[in-house]
Structures are given as structure tokens and as C-alpha cells.
Protein backbone atom coordinates (compact mmCIF):
# COMPACT_ATOMS: atom_id res chain seq x y z
CA MET A 1 49.19 -74.84 29.98
CA LEU A 2 46.25 -77.26 30.02
CA ASN A 3 44.16 -77.79 26.94
CA LYS A 4 40.45 -77.07 27.30
CA LYS A 5 37.55 -78.41 25.23
CA LEU A 6 34.58 -76.55 23.86
CA VAL A 7 31.67 -78.32 22.13
CA ILE A 8 29.52 -76.26 19.76
CA LYS A 9 26.24 -77.30 18.14
CA VAL A 10 25.86 -76.28 14.48
CA ASN A 11 23.13 -76.81 11.87
CA GLY A 12 23.88 -77.27 8.20
CA ILE A 13 26.88 -79.59 8.40
CA ARG A 14 26.13 -82.36 5.91
CA THR A 15 29.25 -83.40 4.01
CA LEU A 16 32.97 -83.96 4.49
CA LYS A 17 33.51 -80.81 2.42
CA ASP A 18 31.48 -78.85 4.99
CA ALA A 19 33.61 -80.29 7.79
CA SER A 20 36.81 -79.45 5.93
CA MET A 21 35.76 -75.83 5.35
CA ILE A 22 34.87 -75.41 9.01
CA ARG A 23 38.16 -76.91 10.20
CA LYS A 24 40.22 -74.76 7.84
CA SER A 25 38.48 -71.57 8.95
CA LEU A 26 38.64 -72.30 12.68
CA TYR A 27 42.33 -73.24 12.57
CA LYS A 28 43.05 -69.62 11.62
CA ASN A 29 42.42 -68.82 15.30
CA GLU A 30 45.83 -69.27 16.96
CA SER A 31 44.30 -70.43 20.27
CA ILE A 32 42.67 -73.46 18.64
CA LYS A 33 44.81 -76.59 18.78
CA SER A 34 42.37 -79.12 17.25
CA VAL A 35 39.00 -79.14 15.54
CA LYS A 36 36.81 -82.24 15.30
CA VAL A 37 33.57 -82.06 13.32
CA SER A 38 30.84 -84.65 13.85
CA LEU A 39 28.55 -84.89 10.82
CA LYS A 40 26.27 -87.30 12.67
CA ASN A 41 25.82 -85.17 15.80
CA LYS A 42 26.18 -81.76 14.10
CA LYS A 43 28.80 -80.76 16.67
CA ILE A 44 32.24 -79.21 16.56
CA THR A 45 34.70 -80.02 19.35
CA LEU A 46 37.49 -77.49 19.76
CA THR A 47 40.60 -78.01 21.86
CA HIS A 48 42.28 -74.77 22.84
CA SER A 49 45.00 -73.65 25.23
CA ASN A 50 44.07 -70.03 25.82
CA THR A 51 40.92 -68.07 26.41
CA ILE A 52 38.76 -68.34 23.32
CA ASN A 53 36.26 -65.78 22.04
CA VAL A 54 33.03 -67.71 21.45
CA LEU A 55 31.49 -64.74 19.61
CA GLU A 56 34.38 -64.87 17.12
CA ILE A 57 33.79 -68.61 16.62
CA GLN A 58 30.07 -67.95 16.11
CA LYS A 59 30.78 -65.28 13.48
CA THR A 60 33.19 -67.59 11.64
CA ILE A 61 30.65 -70.43 11.52
CA ASN A 62 27.78 -68.18 10.42
CA ALA A 63 29.95 -66.48 7.77
CA LEU A 64 30.53 -69.90 6.20
CA GLY A 65 26.77 -70.35 5.81
CA TYR A 66 26.15 -72.66 8.76
CA LYS A 67 23.90 -71.94 11.75
CA TYR A 68 25.62 -71.61 15.12
CA ILE A 69 23.22 -73.05 17.73
CA GLY A 70 25.25 -72.70 20.91
CA VAL A 71 27.78 -74.16 23.29
CA GLU A 72 27.03 -77.52 24.83
């Protein structure tokens, strides 16, 4: 199965601790294979192998206190 990428824009990511919290929470989704957080660009790049529920990702990010902006 081919891996697919999804890039999400998020406000509120400022520190490495923020990035770590986001990665830890998103890895709980079994479809997600890798999570890369860009502090500079305020973006999260997800690599996944299956269909991914973007609404679930949005809820996870917002529940952590960050602002989901949208998919790029």
C-alpha cells in the first residue's frame, strides 16, 4: 500500500514541547505512519497508509489547544 501525505496548517505551535505533544497525540491514530511538525511554517505533515479522517485530526489538534486552519 502506498503512503500518502497530508499537510495541515495550524496556529499556536511555538515550541518543541508543542510539537512533541502534537506528534504524541496524532500517533495514536493507527493510520498515521509519521508526523513532522514545522515550527517555522506552522504546518504538520502526516504520512499515512489508509484513509484518514481529517475531522478526527482537526478535533485532536483543537483539543490540545491549537487552532486547526485547514489542509494545504
